[in-house]
Amino acid sequence: MARVCQITGKRPQTGNNVSHANNKTKRKFYPNLHKKRFFIPEENKWITLKVSANAIKTINKKGISAVLKDAKAKGTLSI
């Protein structure tokens, strides 16, 4: 599975390591991903998602059902 959040769609970004002498070398910035299980009361089942820390905060605020609905409409959810 790729390093992509299934809710927000966050993926690795590229940038530079910059040394004290201002030398630049390519690097990647990875999203803060976690594999987490969520319970969906409407369907009475558990699902496992790979989500960013930002997505976990959004789920805590809005609820899993609303967030899943938004992610399906946006096209980031792959289950």
PDB file of N, CA and C in Angstrom:
ATOM      1  N   MET A   1       0.834  -1.177   0.000  1.00  0.00           N
ATOM      2  CA  MET A   1       0.000   0.000   0.000  1.00  0.00           C
ATOM      3  C   MET A   1       0.883   1.246   0.000  1.00  0.00           C
ATOM      4  N   ALA A   2       0.479   2.262  -0.729  1.00  0.00           N
ATOM      5  CA  ALA A   2       1.260   3.488  -0.828  1.00  0.00           C
ATOM      6  C   ALA A   2       1.138   4.308   0.448  1.00  0.00           C
ATOM      7  N   ARG A   3       2.047   5.253   0.601  1.00  0.00           N
ATOM      8  CA  ARG A   3       2.024   6.139   1.765  1.00  0.00           C
ATOM      9  C   ARG A   3       1.070   7.291   1.500  1.00  0.00           C
ATOM     10  N   VAL A   4      -0.224   6.968   1.462  1.00  0.00           N
ATOM     11  CA  VAL A   4      -1.266   7.951   1.168  1.00  0.00           C
ATOM     12  C   VAL A   4      -2.371   7.811   2.204  1.00  0.00           C
ATOM     13  N   CYS A   5      -2.827   8.927   2.738  1.00  0.00           N
ATOM     14  CA  CYS A   5      -3.948   8.921   3.682  1.00  0.00           C
ATOM     15  C   CYS A   5      -5.227   8.612   2.921  1.00  0.00           C
ATOM     16  N   GLN A   6      -6.006   7.663   3.428  1.00  0.00           N
ATOM     17  CA  GLN A   6      -7.234   7.252   2.746  1.00  0.00           C
ATOM     18  C   GLN A   6      -8.369   8.257   2.945  1.00  0.00           C
ATOM     19  N   ILE A   7      -8.246   9.166   3.886  1.00  0.00           N
ATOM     20  CA  ILE A   7      -9.300  10.153   4.139  1.00  0.00           C
ATOM     21  C   ILE A   7      -8.968  11.485   3.473  1.00  0.00           C
ATOM     22  N   THR A   8      -7.785  12.024   3.739  1.00  0.00           N
ATOM     23  CA  THR A   8      -7.443  13.343   3.224  1.00  0.00           C
ATOM     24  C   THR A   8      -6.737  13.296   1.880  1.00  0.00           C
ATOM     25  N   GLY A   9      -6.150  12.151   1.534  1.00  0.00           N
ATOM     26  CA  GLY A   9      -5.415  12.046   0.279  1.00  0.00           C
ATOM     27  C   GLY A   9      -4.004  12.601   0.356  1.00  0.00           C
ATOM     28  N   LYS A  10      -3.523  12.890   1.579  1.00  0.00           N
ATOM     29  CA  LYS A  10      -2.158  13.401   1.728  1.00  0.00           C
ATOM     30  C   LYS A  10      -1.168  12.353   1.272  1.00  0.00           C
ATOM     31  N   ARG A  11      -0.122  12.792   0.555  1.00  0.00           N
ATOM     32  CA  ARG A  11       0.909  11.888   0.055  1.00  0.00           C
ATOM     33  C   ARG A  11       2.272  12.545   0.243  1.00  0.00           C
ATOM     34  N   PRO A  12       3.365  11.809   0.041  1.00  0.00           N
ATOM     35  CA  PRO A  12       4.686  12.403   0.243  1.00  0.00           C
ATOM     36  C   PRO A  12       4.927  13.612  -0.662  1.00  0.00           C
ATOM     37  N   GLN A  13       5.626  14.592  -0.109  1.00  0.00           N
ATOM     38  CA  GLN A  13       6.032  15.761  -0.870  1.00  0.00           C
ATOM     39  C   GLN A  13       7.545  15.745  -1.016  1.00  0.00           C
ATOM     40  N   THR A  14       8.065  16.407  -2.032  1.00  0.00           N
ATOM     41  CA  THR A  14       9.511  16.466  -2.215  1.00  0.00           C
ATOM     42  C   THR A  14      10.010  17.852  -1.865  1.00  0.00           C
ATOM     43  N   GLY A  15      11.283  17.887  -1.473  1.00  0.00           N
ATOM     44  CA  GLY A  15      11.918  19.148  -1.130  1.00  0.00           C
ATOM     45  C   GLY A  15      13.415  18.952  -1.090  1.00  0.00           C
ATOM     46  N   ASN A  16      14.095  19.827  -0.395  1.00  0.00           N
ATOM     47  CA  ASN A  16      15.550  19.777  -0.314  1.00  0.00           C
ATOM     48  C   ASN A  16      16.017  19.722   1.127  1.00  0.00           C
ATOM     49  N   ASN A  17      17.106  18.951   1.366  1.00  0.00           N
ATOM     50  CA  ASN A  17      17.906  19.119   2.564  1.00  0.00           C
ATOM     51  C   ASN A  17      18.854  20.260   2.255  1.00  0.00           C
ATOM     52  N   VAL A  18      18.937  21.245   3.128  1.00  0.00           N
ATOM     53  CA  VAL A  18      19.822  22.378   2.899  1.00  0.00           C
ATOM     54  C   VAL A  18      20.869  22.390   3.998  1.00  0.00           C
ATOM     55  N   SER A  19      22.133  22.266   3.607  1.00  0.00           N
ATOM     56  CA  SER A  19      23.225  22.230   4.576  1.00  0.00           C
ATOM     57  C   SER A  19      23.605  23.641   5.002  1.00  0.00           C
ATOM     58  N   HIS A  20      24.510  23.709   5.962  1.00  0.00           N
ATOM     59  CA  HIS A  20      24.997  25.008   6.440  1.00  0.00           C
ATOM     60  C   HIS A  20      25.700  25.763   5.311  1.00  0.00           C
ATOM     61  N   ALA A  21      26.320  25.021   4.401  1.00  0.00           N
ATOM     62  CA  ALA A  21      27.000  25.632   3.242  1.00  0.00           C
ATOM     63  C   ALA A  21      26.016  25.890   2.089  1.00  0.00           C
ATOM     64  N   ASN A  22      24.725  25.710   2.355  1.00  0.00           N
ATOM     65  CA  ASN A  22      23.650  25.932   1.390  1.00  0.00           C
ATOM     66  C   ASN A  22      23.675  24.932   0.230  1.00  0.00           C
ATOM     67  N   ASN A  23      24.263  23.737   0.443  1.00  0.00           N
ATOM     68  CA  ASN A  23      24.176  22.664  -0.545  1.00  0.00           C
ATOM     69  C   ASN A  23      22.793  22.052  -0.441  1.00  0.00           C
ATOM     70  N   LYS A  24      22.215  21.726  -1.589  1.00  0.00           N
ATOM     71  CA  LYS A  24      20.861  21.179  -1.599  1.00  0.00           C
ATOM     72  C   LYS A  24      20.860  19.767  -2.157  1.00  0.00           C
ATOM     73  N   THR A  25      20.232  18.851  -1.437  1.00  0.00           N
ATOM     74  CA  THR A  25      20.032  17.484  -1.912  1.00  0.00           C
ATOM     75  C   THR A  25      18.564  17.140  -1.756  1.00  0.00           C
ATOM     76  N   LYS A  26      18.040  16.363  -2.687  1.00  0.00           N
ATOM     77  CA  LYS A  26      16.616  16.022  -2.680  1.00  0.00           C
ATOM     78  C   LYS A  26      16.272  15.141  -1.484  1.00  0.00           C
ATOM     79  N   ARG A  27      15.059  15.313  -0.982  1.00  0.00           N
ATOM     80  CA  ARG A  27      14.529  14.488   0.108  1.00  0.00           C
ATOM     81  C   ARG A  27      13.021  14.421  -0.015  1.00  0.00           C
ATOM     82  N   LYS A  28      12.397  13.576   0.824  1.00  0.00           N
ATOM     83  CA  LYS A  28      10.934  13.463   0.837  1.00  0.00           C
ATOM     84  C   LYS A  28      10.410  13.797   2.222  1.00  0.00           C
ATOM     85  N   PHE A  29       9.251  14.434   2.235  1.00  0.00           N
ATOM     86  CA  PHE A  29       8.521  14.698   3.469  1.00  0.00           C
ATOM     87  C   PHE A  29       7.322  13.763   3.472  1.00  0.00           C
ATOM     88  N   TYR A  30       7.299  12.819   4.412  1.00  0.00           N
ATOM     89  CA  TYR A  30       6.222  11.826   4.465  1.00  0.00           C
ATOM     90  C   TYR A  30       5.106  12.288   5.395  1.00  0.00           C
ATOM     91  N   PRO A  31       3.847  11.980   5.059  1.00  0.00           N
ATOM     92  CA  PRO A  31       2.745  12.323   5.966  1.00  0.00           C
ATOM     93  C   PRO A  31       2.790  11.454   7.216  1.00  0.00           C
ATOM     94  N   ASN A  32       2.224  11.959   8.289  1.00  0.00           N
ATOM     95  CA  ASN A  32       2.226  11.268   9.578  1.00  0.00           C
ATOM     96  C   ASN A  32       1.089  10.229   9.588  1.00  0.00           C
ATOM     97  N   LEU A  33       1.347   9.052   9.004  1.00  0.00           N
ATOM     98  CA  LEU A  33       0.300   8.048   8.819  1.00  0.00           C
ATOM     99  C   LEU A  33       0.269   7.025   9.947  1.00  0.00           C
ATOM    100  N   HIS A  34      -0.950   6.559  10.244  1.00  0.00           N
ATOM    101  CA  HIS A  34      -1.175   5.519  11.242  1.00  0.00           C
ATOM    102  C   HIS A  34      -2.218   4.550  10.710  1.00  0.00           C
ATOM    103  N   LYS A  35      -2.017   3.266  10.983  1.00  0.00           N
ATOM    104  CA  LYS A  35      -3.019   2.264  10.637  1.00  0.00           C
ATOM    105  C   LYS A  35      -3.954   2.160  11.836  1.00  0.00           C
ATOM    106  N   LYS A  36      -5.221   2.466  11.647  1.00  0.00           N
ATOM    107  CA  LYS A  36      -6.151   2.566  12.778  1.00  0.00           C
ATOM    108  C   LYS A  36      -7.483   1.917  12.443  1.00  0.00           C
ATOM    109  N   ARG A  37      -8.064   1.265  13.454  1.00  0.00           N
ATOM    110  CA  ARG A  37      -9.379   0.644  13.297  1.00  0.00           C
ATOM    111  C   ARG A  37     -10.449   1.583  13.818  1.00  0.00           C
ATOM    112  N   PHE A  38     -11.552   1.672  13.069  1.00  0.00           N
ATOM    113  CA  PHE A  38     -12.691   2.505  13.460  1.00  0.00           C
ATOM    114  C   PHE A  38     -13.950   1.656  13.433  1.00  0.00           C
ATOM    115  N   PHE A  39     -14.846   1.891  14.391  1.00  0.00           N
ATOM    116  CA  PHE A  39     -16.116   1.182  14.449  1.00  0.00           C
ATOM    117  C   PHE A  39     -17.188   2.041  13.800  1.00  0.00           C
ATOM    118  N   ILE A  40     -17.934   1.443  12.861  1.00  0.00           N
ATOM    119  CA  ILE A  40     -19.038   2.132  12.195  1.00  0.00           C
ATOM    120  C   ILE A  40     -20.335   1.599  12.790  1.00  0.00           C
ATOM    121  N   PRO A  41     -21.004   2.379  13.641  1.00  0.00           N
ATOM    122  CA  PRO A  41     -22.209   1.873  14.317  1.00  0.00           C
ATOM    123  C   PRO A  41     -23.375   1.584  13.374  1.00  0.00           C
ATOM    124  N   GLU A  42     -23.492   2.337  12.268  1.00  0.00           N
ATOM    125  CA  GLU A  42     -24.603   2.126  11.342  1.00  0.00           C
ATOM    126  C   GLU A  42     -24.533   0.735  10.698  1.00  0.00           C
ATOM    127  N   GLU A  43     -23.324   0.295  10.384  1.00  0.00           N
ATOM    128  CA  GLU A  43     -23.131  -1.006   9.750  1.00  0.00           C
ATOM    129  C   GLU A  43     -22.739  -2.082  10.750  1.00  0.00           C
ATOM    130  N   ASN A  44     -22.499  -1.690  11.999  1.00  0.00           N
ATOM    131  CA  ASN A  44     -22.116  -2.593  13.083  1.00  0.00           C
ATOM    132  C   ASN A  44     -20.881  -3.411  12.716  1.00  0.00           C
ATOM    133  N   LYS A  45     -19.836  -2.720  12.200  1.00  0.00           N
ATOM    134  CA  LYS A  45     -18.596  -3.406  11.844  1.00  0.00           C
ATOM    135  C   LYS A  45     -17.396  -2.486  12.018  1.00  0.00           C
ATOM    136  N   TRP A  46     -16.215  -3.096  12.077  1.00  0.00           N
ATOM    137  CA  TRP A  46     -14.949  -2.390  12.192  1.00  0.00           C
ATOM    138  C   TRP A  46     -14.309  -2.288  10.820  1.00  0.00           C
ATOM    139  N   ILE A  47     -13.628  -1.161  10.549  1.00  0.00           N
ATOM    140  CA  ILE A  47     -12.824  -1.039   9.340  1.00  0.00           C
ATOM    141  C   ILE A  47     -11.430  -0.541   9.739  1.00  0.00           C
ATOM    142  N   THR A  48     -10.439  -0.938   8.980  1.00  0.00           N
ATOM    143  CA  THR A  48      -9.068  -0.486   9.204  1.00  0.00           C
ATOM    144  C   THR A  48      -8.698   0.484   8.100  1.00  0.00           C
ATOM    145  N   LEU A  49      -8.225   1.650   8.506  1.00  0.00           N
ATOM    146  CA  LEU A  49      -7.841   2.687   7.552  1.00  0.00           C
ATOM    147  C   LEU A  49      -6.414   3.136   7.836  1.00  0.00           C
ATOM    148  N   LYS A  50      -5.708   3.562   6.787  1.00  0.00           N
ATOM    149  CA  LYS A  50      -4.407   4.194   6.938  1.00  0.00           C
ATOM    150  C   LYS A  50      -4.659   5.691   6.853  1.00  0.00           C
ATOM    151  N   VAL A  51      -4.581   6.371   8.004  1.00  0.00           N
ATOM    152  CA  VAL A  51      -4.971   7.774   8.080  1.00  0.00           C
ATOM    153  C   VAL A  51      -3.864   8.630   8.676  1.00  0.00           C
ATOM    154  N   SER A  52      -3.847   9.902   8.309  1.00  0.00           N
ATOM    155  CA  SER A  52      -2.896  10.851   8.873  1.00  0.00           C
ATOM    156  C   SER A  52      -3.403  11.321  10.231  1.00  0.00           C
ATOM    157  N   ALA A  53      -2.514  11.921  11.001  1.00  0.00           N
ATOM    158  CA  ALA A  53      -2.895  12.455  12.308  1.00  0.00           C
ATOM    159  C   ALA A  53      -3.963  13.528  12.145  1.00  0.00           C
ATOM    160  N   ASN A  54      -3.858  14.306  11.075  1.00  0.00           N
ATOM    161  CA  ASN A  54      -4.852  15.339  10.782  1.00  0.00           C
ATOM    162  C   ASN A  54      -6.227  14.701  10.544  1.00  0.00           C
ATOM    163  N   ALA A  55      -6.266  13.575   9.844  1.00  0.00           N
ATOM    164  CA  ALA A  55      -7.531  12.892   9.566  1.00  0.00           C
ATOM    165  C   ALA A  55      -8.147  12.331  10.852  1.00  0.00           C
ATOM    166  N   ILE A  56      -7.319  11.848  11.768  1.00  0.00           N
ATOM    167  CA  ILE A  56      -7.823  11.329  13.045  1.00  0.00           C
ATOM    168  C   ILE A  56      -8.515  12.448  13.820  1.00  0.00           C
ATOM    169  N   LYS A  57      -7.916  13.642  13.804  1.00  0.00           N
ATOM    170  CA  LYS A  57      -8.532  14.783  14.477  1.00  0.00           C
ATOM    171  C   LYS A  57      -9.857  15.154  13.822  1.00  0.00           C
ATOM    172  N   THR A  58      -9.924  15.070  12.498  1.00  0.00           N
ATOM    173  CA  THR A  58     -11.157  15.373  11.774  1.00  0.00           C
ATOM    174  C   THR A  58     -12.240  14.355  12.111  1.00  0.00           C
ATOM    175  N   ILE A  59     -11.862  13.073  12.196  1.00  0.00           N
ATOM    176  CA  ILE A  59     -12.820  12.012  12.542  1.00  0.00           C
ATOM    177  C   ILE A  59     -13.356  12.224  13.954  1.00  0.00           C
ATOM    178  N   ASN A  60     -12.486  12.609  14.878  1.00  0.00           N
ATOM    179  CA  ASN A  60     -12.930  12.875  16.248  1.00  0.00           C
ATOM    180  C   ASN A  60     -13.910  14.041  16.293  1.00  0.00           C
ATOM    181  N   LYS A  61     -13.736  15.014  15.412  1.00  0.00           N
ATOM    182  CA  LYS A  61     -14.591  16.199  15.415  1.00  0.00           C
ATOM    183  C   LYS A  61     -15.926  15.950  14.721  1.00  0.00           C
ATOM    184  N   LYS A  62     -15.892  15.384  13.498  1.00  0.00           N
ATOM    185  CA  LYS A  62     -17.099  15.231  12.688  1.00  0.00           C
ATOM    186  C   LYS A  62     -17.796  13.889  12.849  1.00  0.00           C
ATOM    187  N   GLY A  63     -17.050  12.852  13.206  1.00  0.00           N
ATOM    188  CA  GLY A  63     -17.608  11.501  13.265  1.00  0.00           C
ATOM    189  C   GLY A  63     -17.192  10.701  12.046  1.00  0.00           C
ATOM    190  N   ILE A  64     -17.040   9.396  12.222  1.00  0.00           N
ATOM    191  CA  ILE A  64     -16.525   8.529  11.166  1.00  0.00           C
ATOM    192  C   ILE A  64     -17.468   8.462   9.970  1.00  0.00           C
ATOM    193  N   SER A  65     -18.763   8.442  10.198  1.00  0.00           N
ATOM    194  CA  SER A  65     -19.716   8.301   9.092  1.00  0.00           C
ATOM    195  C   SER A  65     -19.670   9.496   8.148  1.00  0.00           C
ATOM    196  N   ALA A  66     -19.653  10.702   8.712  1.00  0.00           N
ATOM    197  CA  ALA A  66     -19.614  11.915   7.896  1.00  0.00           C
ATOM    198  C   ALA A  66     -18.301  12.014   7.124  1.00  0.00           C
ATOM    199  N   VAL A  67     -17.204  11.641   7.766  1.00  0.00           N
ATOM    200  CA  VAL A  67     -15.890  11.721   7.121  1.00  0.00           C
ATOM    201  C   VAL A  67     -15.784  10.698   5.993  1.00  0.00           C
ATOM    202  N   LEU A  68     -16.300   9.488   6.208  1.00  0.00           N
ATOM    203  CA  LEU A  68     -16.279   8.464   5.152  1.00  0.00           C
ATOM    204  C   LEU A  68     -17.108   8.899   3.954  1.00  0.00           C
ATOM    205  N   LYS A  69     -18.242   9.521   4.230  1.00  0.00           N
ATOM    206  CA  LYS A  69     -19.105  10.004   3.153  1.00  0.00           C
ATOM    207  C   LYS A  69     -18.383  11.058   2.306  1.00  0.00           C
ATOM    208  N   ASP A  70     -17.697  12.006   2.983  1.00  0.00           N
ATOM    209  CA  ASP A  70     -16.943  13.044   2.285  1.00  0.00           C
ATOM    210  C   ASP A  70     -15.794  12.452   1.477  1.00  0.00           C
ATOM    211  N   ALA A  71     -15.100  11.455   2.055  1.00  0.00           N
ATOM    212  CA  ALA A  71     -13.946  10.846   1.383  1.00  0.00           C
ATOM    213  C   ALA A  71     -14.385  10.072   0.133  1.00  0.00           C
ATOM    214  N   LYS A  72     -15.539   9.399   0.214  1.00  0.00           N
ATOM    215  CA  LYS A  72     -16.052   8.682  -0.956  1.00  0.00           C
ATOM    216  C   LYS A  72     -16.428   9.668  -2.059  1.00  0.00           C
ATOM    217  N   ALA A  73     -17.034  10.803  -1.681  1.00  0.00           N
ATOM    218  CA  ALA A  73     -17.414  11.809  -2.675  1.00  0.00           C
ATOM    219  C   ALA A  73     -16.175  12.447  -3.308  1.00  0.00           C
ATOM    220  N   LYS A  74     -15.118  12.621  -2.516  1.00  0.00           N
ATOM    221  CA  LYS A  74     -13.884  13.224  -3.011  1.00  0.00           C
ATOM    222  C   LYS A  74     -13.050  12.233  -3.828  1.00  0.00           C
ATOM    223  N   GLY A  75     -13.270  10.937  -3.586  1.00  0.00           N
ATOM    224  CA  GLY A  75     -12.560   9.913  -4.343  1.00  0.00           C
ATOM    225  C   GLY A  75     -11.270   9.433  -3.724  1.00  0.00           C
ATOM    226  N   THR A  76     -10.992   9.802  -2.463  1.00  0.00           N
ATOM    227  CA  THR A  76      -9.755   9.373  -1.822  1.00  0.00           C
ATOM    228  C   THR A  76      -9.875   8.027  -1.130  1.00  0.00           C
ATOM    229  N   LEU A  77     -11.090   7.621  -0.807  1.00  0.00           N
ATOM    230  CA  LEU A  77     -11.291   6.356  -0.099  1.00  0.00           C
ATOM    231  C   LEU A  77     -11.267   5.197  -1.086  1.00  0.00           C
ATOM    232  N   SER A  78     -10.484   4.168  -0.759  1.00  0.00           N
ATOM    233  CA  SER A  78     -10.296   3.056  -1.706  1.00  0.00           C
ATOM    234  C   SER A  78     -10.910   1.755  -1.208  1.00  0.00           C
ATOM    235  N   ILE A  79     -11.836   1.817  -0.237  1.00  0.00           N
ATOM    236  CA  ILE A  79     -12.466   0.558   0.225  1.00  0.00           C
ATOM    237  C   ILE A  79     -13.922   0.511  -0.184  1.00  0.00           C
TER     238      ILE A  79
END
